[in-house]
Amino acid sequence: ARLKDSLEDLKNDPEVGASVMGSPEVLGVESLTGESVTV
């Protein structure tokens, strides 16, 4: 949730905001190891 909230402000970025055509989507867990969870 914090990751998605931090990227919601991407449209207001002065450099790349105009290039964003949609909201960020968290697809889920891509890989799982003993040290990390990759989202």
Full PDB file with SEQRES, HELIX, SHEET, SSBOND, CRYST1, ORIGX, SCALE, CONECT and MASTER records, all heavy atoms in Angstrom:
SEQRES   1 A   39  ALA ARG LEU LYS ASP SER LEU GLU ASP LEU LYS ASN ASP          
SEQRES   2 A   39  PRO GLU VAL GLY ALA SER VAL MET GLY SER PRO GLU VAL          
SEQRES   3 A   39  LEU GLY VAL GLU SER LEU THR GLY GLU SER VAL THR VAL          
HELIX    1 AA1 ARG A    2  GLU A    8  1                                   7    
HELIX    2 AA2 ASP A    9  ASN A   12  5                                   4    
HELIX    3 AA3 GLY A   17  SER A   19  5                                   3    
SHEET    1 AA1 2 SER A  31  LEU A  32  0                                        
SHEET    2 AA1 2 VAL A  37  THR A  38 -1                                        
CRYST1    1.000    1.000    1.000  90.00  90.00  90.00 P 1           1          
ORIGX1      1.000000  0.000000  0.000000        0.00000                         
ORIGX2      0.000000  1.000000  0.000000        0.00000                         
ORIGX3      0.000000  0.000000  1.000000        0.00000                         
SCALE1      1.000000  0.000000  0.000000        0.00000                         
SCALE2      0.000000  1.000000  0.000000        0.00000                         
SCALE3      0.000000  0.000000  1.000000        0.00000                         
ATOM      1  N   ALA A   1       0.829  -1.211   0.000  1.00  0.00           N  
ATOM      2  CA  ALA A   1       0.000   0.000   0.000  1.00  0.00           C  
ATOM      3  C   ALA A   1       0.859   1.254   0.000  1.00  0.00           C  
ATOM      4  O   ALA A   1       0.571   2.223  -0.738  1.00  0.00           O  
ATOM      5  CB  ALA A   1      -0.933  -0.014   1.213  1.00  0.00           C  
ATOM      6  N   ARG A   2       1.926   1.266   0.788  1.00  0.00           N  
ATOM      7  CA  ARG A   2       2.807   2.428   0.813  1.00  0.00           C  
ATOM      8  C   ARG A   2       3.526   2.593  -0.518  1.00  0.00           C  
ATOM      9  O   ARG A   2       3.742   3.713  -0.993  1.00  0.00           O  
ATOM     10  CB  ARG A   2       3.823   2.277   1.940  1.00  0.00           C  
ATOM     11  CG  ARG A   2       3.207   2.316   3.332  1.00  0.00           C  
ATOM     12  CD  ARG A   2       4.201   1.856   4.370  1.00  0.00           C  
ATOM     13  NE  ARG A   2       3.586   1.714   5.691  1.00  0.00           N  
ATOM     14  CZ  ARG A   2       4.180   1.108   6.705  1.00  0.00           C  
ATOM     15  NH1 ARG A   2       5.402   0.600   6.570  1.00  0.00           N  
ATOM     16  NH2 ARG A   2       3.556   1.014   7.869  1.00  0.00           N  
ATOM     17  N   LEU A   3       3.891   1.473  -1.133  1.00  0.00           N  
ATOM     18  CA  LEU A   3       4.556   1.529  -2.436  1.00  0.00           C  
ATOM     19  C   LEU A   3       3.640   2.134  -3.494  1.00  0.00           C  
ATOM     20  O   LEU A   3       4.055   3.004  -4.276  1.00  0.00           O  
ATOM     21  CB  LEU A   3       4.989   0.121  -2.838  1.00  0.00           C  
ATOM     22  CG  LEU A   3       5.701  -0.033  -4.184  1.00  0.00           C  
ATOM     23  CD1 LEU A   3       7.006   0.724  -4.197  1.00  0.00           C  
ATOM     24  CD2 LEU A   3       5.950  -1.515  -4.477  1.00  0.00           C  
ATOM     25  N   LYS A   4       2.392   1.730  -3.503  1.00  0.00           N  
ATOM     26  CA  LYS A   4       1.447   2.263  -4.482  1.00  0.00           C  
ATOM     27  C   LYS A   4       1.146   3.729  -4.216  1.00  0.00           C  
ATOM     28  O   LYS A   4       1.046   4.534  -5.151  1.00  0.00           O  
ATOM     29  CB  LYS A   4       0.167   1.441  -4.459  1.00  0.00           C  
ATOM     30  CG  LYS A   4      -0.811   1.811  -5.554  1.00  0.00           C  
ATOM     31  CD  LYS A   4      -1.990   0.855  -5.592  1.00  0.00           C  
ATOM     32  CE  LYS A   4      -2.939   1.225  -6.734  1.00  0.00           C  
ATOM     33  NZ  LYS A   4      -4.095   0.290  -6.795  1.00  0.00           N  
ATOM     34  N   ASP A   5       1.008   4.099  -2.925  1.00  0.00           N  
ATOM     35  CA  ASP A   5       0.740   5.502  -2.593  1.00  0.00           C  
ATOM     36  C   ASP A   5       1.898   6.407  -3.010  1.00  0.00           C  
ATOM     37  O   ASP A   5       1.681   7.536  -3.457  1.00  0.00           O  
ATOM     38  CB  ASP A   5       0.484   5.642  -1.096  1.00  0.00           C  
ATOM     39  CG  ASP A   5      -0.818   4.980  -0.678  1.00  0.00           C  
ATOM     40  OD1 ASP A   5      -1.683   4.765  -1.557  1.00  0.00           O  
ATOM     41  OD2 ASP A   5      -0.959   4.659   0.520  1.00  0.00           O  
ATOM     42  N   SER A   6       3.112   5.925  -2.874  1.00  0.00           N  
ATOM     43  CA  SER A   6       4.276   6.747  -3.245  1.00  0.00           C  
ATOM     44  C   SER A   6       4.354   6.976  -4.744  1.00  0.00           C  
ATOM     45  O   SER A   6       4.887   7.999  -5.193  1.00  0.00           O  
ATOM     46  CB  SER A   6       5.561   6.086  -2.750  1.00  0.00           C  
ATOM     47  OG  SER A   6       5.782   4.851  -3.422  1.00  0.00           O  
ATOM     48  N   LEU A   7       3.791   6.039  -5.527  1.00  0.00           N  
ATOM     49  CA  LEU A   7       3.839   6.179  -6.983  1.00  0.00           C  
ATOM     50  C   LEU A   7       2.614   6.880  -7.554  1.00  0.00           C  
ATOM     51  O   LEU A   7       2.592   7.197  -8.740  1.00  0.00           O  
ATOM     52  CB  LEU A   7       3.986   4.800  -7.644  1.00  0.00           C  
ATOM     53  CG  LEU A   7       5.288   4.053  -7.323  1.00  0.00           C  
ATOM     54  CD1 LEU A   7       5.285   2.683  -7.976  1.00  0.00           C  
ATOM     55  CD2 LEU A   7       6.492   4.857  -7.788  1.00  0.00           C  
ATOM     56  N   GLU A   8       1.595   7.094  -6.743  1.00  0.00           N  
ATOM     57  CA  GLU A   8       0.404   7.794  -7.225  1.00  0.00           C  
ATOM     58  C   GLU A   8       0.720   9.233  -7.604  1.00  0.00           C  
ATOM     59  O   GLU A   8       0.054   9.826  -8.459  1.00  0.00           O  
ATOM     60  CB  GLU A   8      -0.695   7.769  -6.158  1.00  0.00           C  
ATOM     61  CG  GLU A   8      -1.394   6.439  -6.009  1.00  0.00           C  
ATOM     62  CD  GLU A   8      -2.270   6.109  -7.207  1.00  0.00           C  
ATOM     63  OE1 GLU A   8      -2.529   7.015  -8.030  1.00  0.00           O  
ATOM     64  OE2 GLU A   8      -2.689   4.947  -7.318  1.00  0.00           O  
ATOM     65  N   ASP A   9       1.728   9.797  -6.980  1.00  0.00           N  
ATOM     66  CA  ASP A   9       2.105  11.185  -7.244  1.00  0.00           C  
ATOM     67  C   ASP A   9       2.983  11.307  -8.488  1.00  0.00           C  
ATOM     68  O   ASP A   9       3.489  12.376  -8.785  1.00  0.00           O  
ATOM     69  CB  ASP A   9       2.845  11.756  -6.027  1.00  0.00           C  
ATOM     70  CG  ASP A   9       3.010  13.266  -6.127  1.00  0.00           C  
ATOM     71  OD1 ASP A   9       2.033  13.957  -6.446  1.00  0.00           O  
ATOM     72  OD2 ASP A   9       4.145  13.747  -5.907  1.00  0.00           O  
ATOM     73  N   LEU A  10       3.134  10.213  -9.216  1.00  0.00           N  
ATOM     74  CA  LEU A  10       4.024  10.228 -10.381  1.00  0.00           C  
ATOM     75  C   LEU A  10       3.506  11.162 -11.478  1.00  0.00           C  
ATOM     76  O   LEU A  10       4.297  11.745 -12.233  1.00  0.00           O  
ATOM     77  CB  LEU A  10       4.166   8.809 -10.927  1.00  0.00           C  
ATOM     78  CG  LEU A  10       5.368   8.508 -11.829  1.00  0.00           C  
ATOM     79  CD1 LEU A  10       6.674   8.737 -11.087  1.00  0.00           C  
ATOM     80  CD2 LEU A  10       5.291   7.078 -12.341  1.00  0.00           C  
ATOM     81  N   LYS A  11       2.187  11.329 -11.573  1.00  0.00           N  
ATOM     82  CA  LYS A  11       1.626  12.207 -12.605  1.00  0.00           C  
ATOM     83  C   LYS A  11       1.979  13.665 -12.382  1.00  0.00           C  
ATOM     84  O   LYS A  11       1.949  14.469 -13.320  1.00  0.00           O  
ATOM     85  CB  LYS A  11       0.109  12.047 -12.661  1.00  0.00           C  
ATOM     86  CG  LYS A  11      -0.362  10.686 -13.149  1.00  0.00           C  
ATOM     87  CD  LYS A  11      -1.871  10.638 -13.234  1.00  0.00           C  
ATOM     88  CE  LYS A  11      -2.334   9.291 -13.763  1.00  0.00           C  
ATOM     89  NZ  LYS A  11      -3.821   9.203 -13.866  1.00  0.00           N  
ATOM     90  N   ASN A  12       2.301  14.018 -11.142  1.00  0.00           N  
ATOM     91  CA  ASN A  12       2.657  15.404 -10.841  1.00  0.00           C  
ATOM     92  C   ASN A  12       4.145  15.672 -10.947  1.00  0.00           C  
ATOM     93  O   ASN A  12       4.591  16.775 -10.630  1.00  0.00           O  
ATOM     94  CB  ASN A  12       2.177  15.755  -9.422  1.00  0.00           C  
ATOM     95  CG  ASN A  12       0.674  15.620  -9.282  1.00  0.00           C  
ATOM     96  OD1 ASN A  12      -0.072  15.919 -10.213  1.00  0.00           O  
ATOM     97  ND2 ASN A  12       0.218  15.164  -8.119  1.00  0.00           N  
ATOM     98  N   ASP A  13       4.897  14.701 -11.368  1.00  0.00           N  
ATOM     99  CA  ASP A  13       6.334  14.897 -11.525  1.00  0.00           C  
ATOM    100  C   ASP A  13       6.591  15.902 -12.643  1.00  0.00           C  
ATOM    101  O   ASP A  13       6.034  15.762 -13.747  1.00  0.00           O  
ATOM    102  CB  ASP A  13       7.018  13.563 -11.847  1.00  0.00           C  
ATOM    103  CG  ASP A  13       8.530  13.665 -11.782  1.00  0.00           C  
ATOM    104  OD1 ASP A  13       9.127  14.176 -12.759  1.00  0.00           O  
ATOM    105  OD2 ASP A  13       9.113  13.233 -10.781  1.00  0.00           O  
ATOM    106  N   PRO A  14       7.390  16.925 -12.412  1.00  0.00           N  
ATOM    107  CA  PRO A  14       7.585  17.955 -13.447  1.00  0.00           C  
ATOM    108  C   PRO A  14       8.293  17.456 -14.694  1.00  0.00           C  
ATOM    109  O   PRO A  14       8.165  18.051 -15.762  1.00  0.00           O  
ATOM    110  CB  PRO A  14       8.418  19.031 -12.729  1.00  0.00           C  
ATOM    111  CG  PRO A  14       9.089  18.303 -11.603  1.00  0.00           C  
ATOM    112  CD  PRO A  14       8.144  17.225 -11.176  1.00  0.00           C  
ATOM    113  N   GLU A  15       9.040  16.362 -14.584  1.00  0.00           N  
ATOM    114  CA  GLU A  15       9.813  15.885 -15.725  1.00  0.00           C  
ATOM    115  C   GLU A  15       9.082  14.811 -16.522  1.00  0.00           C  
ATOM    116  O   GLU A  15       9.090  14.841 -17.752  1.00  0.00           O  
ATOM    117  CB  GLU A  15      11.167  15.350 -15.245  1.00  0.00           C  
ATOM    118  CG  GLU A  15      12.058  16.423 -14.629  1.00  0.00           C  
ATOM    119  CD  GLU A  15      13.409  15.864 -14.227  1.00  0.00           C  
ATOM    120  OE1 GLU A  15      13.620  14.640 -14.395  1.00  0.00           O  
ATOM    121  OE2 GLU A  15      14.255  16.642 -13.737  1.00  0.00           O  
ATOM    122  N   VAL A  16       8.460  13.862 -15.850  1.00  0.00           N  
ATOM    123  CA  VAL A  16       7.845  12.731 -16.553  1.00  0.00           C  
ATOM    124  C   VAL A  16       6.344  12.651 -16.339  1.00  0.00           C  
ATOM    125  O   VAL A  16       5.708  11.708 -16.824  1.00  0.00           O  
ATOM    126  CB  VAL A  16       8.514  11.409 -16.114  1.00  0.00           C  
ATOM    127  CG1 VAL A  16       9.992  11.422 -16.425  1.00  0.00           C  
ATOM    128  CG2 VAL A  16       8.255  11.137 -14.641  1.00  0.00           C  
ATOM    129  N   GLY A  17       5.763  13.604 -15.623  1.00  0.00           N  
ATOM    130  CA  GLY A  17       4.335  13.533 -15.340  1.00  0.00           C  
ATOM    131  C   GLY A  17       3.477  13.499 -16.587  1.00  0.00           C  
ATOM    132  O   GLY A  17       2.476  12.769 -16.644  1.00  0.00           O  
ATOM    133  N   ALA A  18       3.864  14.261 -17.600  1.00  0.00           N  
ATOM    134  CA  ALA A  18       3.076  14.290 -18.834  1.00  0.00           C  
ATOM    135  C   ALA A  18       3.156  12.984 -19.605  1.00  0.00           C  
ATOM    136  O   ALA A  18       2.309  12.721 -20.471  1.00  0.00           O  
ATOM    137  CB  ALA A  18       3.555  15.437 -19.728  1.00  0.00           C  
ATOM    138  N   SER A  19       4.155  12.158 -19.321  1.00  0.00           N  
ATOM    139  CA  SER A  19       4.331  10.899 -20.043  1.00  0.00           C  
ATOM    140  C   SER A  19       3.582   9.749 -19.404  1.00  0.00           C  
ATOM    141  O   SER A  19       3.524   8.663 -19.977  1.00  0.00           O  
ATOM    142  CB  SER A  19       5.820  10.547 -20.124  1.00  0.00           C  
ATOM    143  OG  SER A  19       6.551  11.574 -20.759  1.00  0.00           O  
ATOM    144  N   VAL A  20       3.019   9.960 -18.206  1.00  0.00           N  
ATOM    145  CA  VAL A  20       2.284   8.912 -17.503  1.00  0.00           C  
ATOM    146  C   VAL A  20       0.843   8.889 -18.008  1.00  0.00           C  
ATOM    147  O   VAL A  20       0.140   9.890 -17.945  1.00  0.00           O  
ATOM    148  CB  VAL A  20       2.329   9.127 -15.983  1.00  0.00           C  
ATOM    149  CG1 VAL A  20       1.527   8.058 -15.272  1.00  0.00           C  
ATOM    150  CG2 VAL A  20       3.771   9.137 -15.497  1.00  0.00           C  
ATOM    151  N   MET A  21       0.403   7.739 -18.500  1.00  0.00           N  
ATOM    152  CA  MET A  21      -0.922   7.627 -19.106  1.00  0.00           C  
ATOM    153  C   MET A  21      -1.880   6.783 -18.273  1.00  0.00           C  
ATOM    154  O   MET A  21      -2.978   6.465 -18.721  1.00  0.00           O  
ATOM    155  CB  MET A  21      -0.797   7.029 -20.511  1.00  0.00           C  
ATOM    156  CG  MET A  21       0.073   7.841 -21.460  1.00  0.00           C  
ATOM    157  SD  MET A  21       0.225   7.090 -23.092  1.00  0.00           S  
ATOM    158  CE  MET A  21      -1.475   7.161 -23.672  1.00  0.00           C  
ATOM    159  N   GLY A  22      -1.464   6.375 -17.105  1.00  0.00           N  
ATOM    160  CA  GLY A  22      -2.345   5.568 -16.265  1.00  0.00           C  
ATOM    161  C   GLY A  22      -1.851   5.552 -14.828  1.00  0.00           C  
ATOM    162  O   GLY A  22      -0.793   6.085 -14.501  1.00  0.00           O  
ATOM    163  N   SER A  23      -2.635   4.932 -13.973  1.00  0.00           N  
ATOM    164  CA  SER A  23      -2.260   4.816 -12.558  1.00  0.00           C  
ATOM    165  C   SER A  23      -1.345   3.608 -12.369  1.00  0.00           C  
ATOM    166  O   SER A  23      -1.442   2.624 -13.098  1.00  0.00           O  
ATOM    167  CB  SER A  23      -3.512   4.653 -11.694  1.00  0.00           C  
ATOM    168  OG  SER A  23      -4.369   5.778 -11.839  1.00  0.00           O  
ATOM    169  N   PRO A  24      -0.470   3.669 -11.374  1.00  0.00           N  
ATOM    170  CA  PRO A  24       0.406   2.523 -11.123  1.00  0.00           C  
ATOM    171  C   PRO A  24      -0.389   1.313 -10.651  1.00  0.00           C  
ATOM    172  O   PRO A  24      -1.374   1.443  -9.917  1.00  0.00           O  
ATOM    173  CB  PRO A  24       1.359   3.046 -10.042  1.00  0.00           C  
ATOM    174  CG  PRO A  24       0.650   4.182  -9.403  1.00  0.00           C  
ATOM    175  CD  PRO A  24      -0.187   4.800 -10.472  1.00  0.00           C  
ATOM    176  N   GLU A  25       0.037   0.148 -11.097  1.00  0.00           N  
ATOM    177  CA  GLU A  25      -0.614  -1.101 -10.739  1.00  0.00           C  
ATOM    178  C   GLU A  25       0.401  -2.029 -10.081  1.00  0.00           C  
ATOM    179  O   GLU A  25       1.478  -2.253 -10.625  1.00  0.00           O  
ATOM    180  CB  GLU A  25      -1.213  -1.777 -11.972  1.00  0.00           C  
ATOM    181  CG  GLU A  25      -2.278  -0.961 -12.680  1.00  0.00           C  
ATOM    182  CD  GLU A  25      -2.840  -1.688 -13.885  1.00  0.00           C  
ATOM    183  OE1 GLU A  25      -2.462  -2.879 -14.071  1.00  0.00           O  
ATOM    184  OE2 GLU A  25      -3.617  -1.091 -14.631  1.00  0.00           O  
ATOM    185  N   VAL A  26       0.038  -2.555  -8.927  1.00  0.00           N  
ATOM    186  CA  VAL A  26       0.864  -3.550  -8.252  1.00  0.00           C  
ATOM    187  C   VAL A  26       0.351  -4.927  -8.666  1.00  0.00           C  
ATOM    188  O   VAL A  26      -0.743  -5.346  -8.265  1.00  0.00           O  
ATOM    189  CB  VAL A  26       0.809  -3.379  -6.719  1.00  0.00           C  
ATOM    190  CG1 VAL A  26       1.671  -4.432  -6.040  1.00  0.00           C  
ATOM    191  CG2 VAL A  26       1.255  -1.979  -6.327  1.00  0.00           C  
ATOM    192  N   LEU A  27       1.119  -5.621  -9.482  1.00  0.00           N  
ATOM    193  CA  LEU A  27       0.673  -6.900 -10.024  1.00  0.00           C  
ATOM    194  C   LEU A  27       0.766  -8.028  -8.998  1.00  0.00           C  
ATOM    195  O   LEU A  27       0.090  -9.042  -9.143  1.00  0.00           O  
ATOM    196  CB  LEU A  27       1.491  -7.258 -11.263  1.00  0.00           C  
ATOM    197  CG  LEU A  27       1.433  -6.242 -12.411  1.00  0.00           C  
ATOM    198  CD1 LEU A  27       2.194  -6.773 -13.617  1.00  0.00           C  
ATOM    199  CD2 LEU A  27      -0.005  -5.933 -12.790  1.00  0.00           C  
ATOM    200  N   GLY A  28       1.614  -7.862  -7.997  1.00  0.00           N  
ATOM    201  CA  GLY A  28       1.733  -8.885  -6.970  1.00  0.00           C  
ATOM    202  C   GLY A  28       3.163  -9.340  -6.793  1.00  0.00           C  
ATOM    203  O   GLY A  28       4.115  -8.704  -7.265  1.00  0.00           O  
ATOM    204  N   VAL A  29       3.308 -10.461  -6.101  1.00  0.00           N  
ATOM    205  CA  VAL A  29       4.634 -10.997  -5.794  1.00  0.00           C  
ATOM    206  C   VAL A  29       5.188 -11.687  -7.033  1.00  0.00           C  
ATOM    207  O   VAL A  29       4.570 -12.601  -7.577  1.00  0.00           O  
ATOM    208  CB  VAL A  29       4.561 -11.972  -4.606  1.00  0.00           C  
ATOM    209  CG1 VAL A  29       5.930 -12.582  -4.338  1.00  0.00           C  
ATOM    210  CG2 VAL A  29       4.035 -11.269  -3.368  1.00  0.00           C  
ATOM    211  N   GLU A  30       6.356 -11.239  -7.468  1.00  0.00           N  
ATOM    212  CA  GLU A  30       6.993 -11.792  -8.660  1.00  0.00           C  
ATOM    213  C   GLU A  30       7.942 -12.932  -8.295  1.00  0.00           C  
ATOM    214  O   GLU A  30       8.056 -13.903  -9.038  1.00  0.00           O  
ATOM    215  CB  GLU A  30       7.751 -10.686  -9.402  1.00  0.00           C  
ATOM    216  CG  GLU A  30       8.346 -11.107 -10.726  1.00  0.00           C  
ATOM    217  CD  GLU A  30       7.291 -11.435 -11.769  1.00  0.00           C  
ATOM    218  OE1 GLU A  30       6.129 -10.989 -11.597  1.00  0.00           O  
ATOM    219  OE2 GLU A  30       7.607 -12.126 -12.750  1.00  0.00           O  
ATOM    220  N   SER A  31       8.635 -12.808  -7.174  1.00  0.00           N  
ATOM    221  CA  SER A  31       9.539 -13.869  -6.729  1.00  0.00           C  
ATOM    222  C   SER A  31       9.655 -13.817  -5.215  1.00  0.00           C  
ATOM    223  O   SER A  31       9.389 -12.786  -4.582  1.00  0.00           O  
ATOM    224  CB  SER A  31      10.921 -13.732  -7.384  1.00  0.00           C  
ATOM    225  OG  SER A  31      11.549 -12.520  -6.990  1.00  0.00           O  
ATOM    226  N   LEU A  32      10.084 -14.946  -4.648  1.00  0.00           N  
ATOM    227  CA  LEU A  32      10.153 -15.071  -3.195  1.00  0.00           C  
ATOM    228  C   LEU A  32      11.425 -15.822  -2.830  1.00  0.00           C  
ATOM    229  O   LEU A  32      11.680 -16.915  -3.336  1.00  0.00           O  
ATOM    230  CB  LEU A  32       8.924 -15.818  -2.675  1.00  0.00           C  
ATOM    231  CG  LEU A  32       8.786 -15.987  -1.159  1.00  0.00           C  
ATOM    232  CD1 LEU A  32       8.599 -14.641  -0.498  1.00  0.00           C  
ATOM    233  CD2 LEU A  32       7.601 -16.908  -0.844  1.00  0.00           C  
ATOM    234  N   THR A  33      12.240 -15.224  -1.954  1.00  0.00           N  
ATOM    235  CA  THR A  33      13.462 -15.855  -1.464  1.00  0.00           C  
ATOM    236  C   THR A  33      13.493 -15.765   0.053  1.00  0.00           C  
ATOM    237  O   THR A  33      12.591 -15.190   0.675  1.00  0.00           O  
ATOM    238  CB  THR A  33      14.712 -15.181  -2.060  1.00  0.00           C  
ATOM    239  OG1 THR A  33      14.792 -13.826  -1.585  1.00  0.00           O  
ATOM    240  CG2 THR A  33      14.666 -15.170  -3.581  1.00  0.00           C  
ATOM    241  N   GLY A  34      14.560 -16.310   0.650  1.00  0.00           N  
ATOM    242  CA  GLY A  34      14.685 -16.250   2.090  1.00  0.00           C  
ATOM    243  C   GLY A  34      15.016 -14.885   2.619  1.00  0.00           C  
ATOM    244  O   GLY A  34      14.930 -14.638   3.830  1.00  0.00           O  
ATOM    245  N   GLU A  35      15.430 -13.955   1.738  1.00  0.00           N  
ATOM    246  CA  GLU A  35      15.813 -12.620   2.172  1.00  0.00           C  
ATOM    247  C   GLU A  35      14.799 -11.546   1.794  1.00  0.00           C  
ATOM    248  O   GLU A  35      14.705 -10.514   2.447  1.00  0.00           O  
ATOM    249  CB  GLU A  35      17.166 -12.221   1.572  1.00  0.00           C  
ATOM    250  CG  GLU A  35      18.348 -13.030   2.061  1.00  0.00           C  
ATOM    251  CD  GLU A  35      18.472 -14.354   1.317  1.00  0.00           C  
ATOM    252  OE1 GLU A  35      17.835 -14.488   0.263  1.00  0.00           O  
ATOM    253  OE2 GLU A  35      19.193 -15.243   1.798  1.00  0.00           O  
ATOM    254  N   SER A  36      14.048 -11.745   0.695  1.00  0.00           N  
ATOM    255  CA  SER A  36      13.206 -10.656   0.193  1.00  0.00           C  
ATOM    256  C   SER A  36      11.972 -11.199  -0.495  1.00  0.00           C  
ATOM    257  O   SER A  36      11.894 -12.371  -0.877  1.00  0.00           O  
ATOM    258  CB  SER A  36      14.000  -9.782  -0.790  1.00  0.00           C  
ATOM    259  OG  SER A  36      14.346 -10.542  -1.941  1.00  0.00           O  
ATOM    260  N   VAL A  37      11.020 -10.293  -0.658  1.00  0.00           N  
ATOM    261  CA  VAL A  37       9.811 -10.532  -1.448  1.00  0.00           C  
ATOM    262  C   VAL A  37       9.800  -9.493  -2.562  1.00  0.00           C  
ATOM    263  O   VAL A  37       9.749  -8.288  -2.283  1.00  0.00           O  
ATOM    264  CB  VAL A  37       8.541 -10.404  -0.574  1.00  0.00           C  
ATOM    265  CG1 VAL A  37       7.296 -10.630  -1.427  1.00  0.00           C  
ATOM    266  CG2 VAL A  37       8.589 -11.373   0.584  1.00  0.00           C  
ATOM    267  N   THR A  38       9.881  -9.929  -3.799  1.00  0.00           N  
ATOM    268  CA  THR A  38       9.945  -9.016  -4.938  1.00  0.00           C  
ATOM    269  C   THR A  38       8.551  -8.765  -5.476  1.00  0.00           C  
ATOM    270  O   THR A  38       7.842  -9.706  -5.854  1.00  0.00           O  
ATOM    271  CB  THR A  38      10.836  -9.591  -6.052  1.00  0.00           C  
ATOM    272  OG1 THR A  38      12.151  -9.838  -5.529  1.00  0.00           O  
ATOM    273  CG2 THR A  38      10.940  -8.617  -7.217  1.00  0.00           C  
ATOM    274  N   VAL A  39       8.156  -7.499  -5.484  1.00  0.00           N  
ATOM    275  CA  VAL A  39       6.836  -7.084  -5.938  1.00  0.00           C  
ATOM    276  C   VAL A  39       6.995  -6.342  -7.258  1.00  0.00           C  
ATOM    277  O   VAL A  39       7.862  -5.478  -7.393  1.00  0.00           O  
ATOM    278  CB  VAL A  39       6.147  -6.177  -4.891  1.00  0.00           C  
ATOM    279  CG1 VAL A  39       4.803  -5.689  -5.406  1.00  0.00           C  
ATOM    280  CG2 VAL A  39       5.978  -6.934  -3.583  1.00  0.00           C  
TER     281      VAL A  39                                                      
MASTER        0    0    0    3    2    0    0    6  280    1    0    3          
END                                                                             
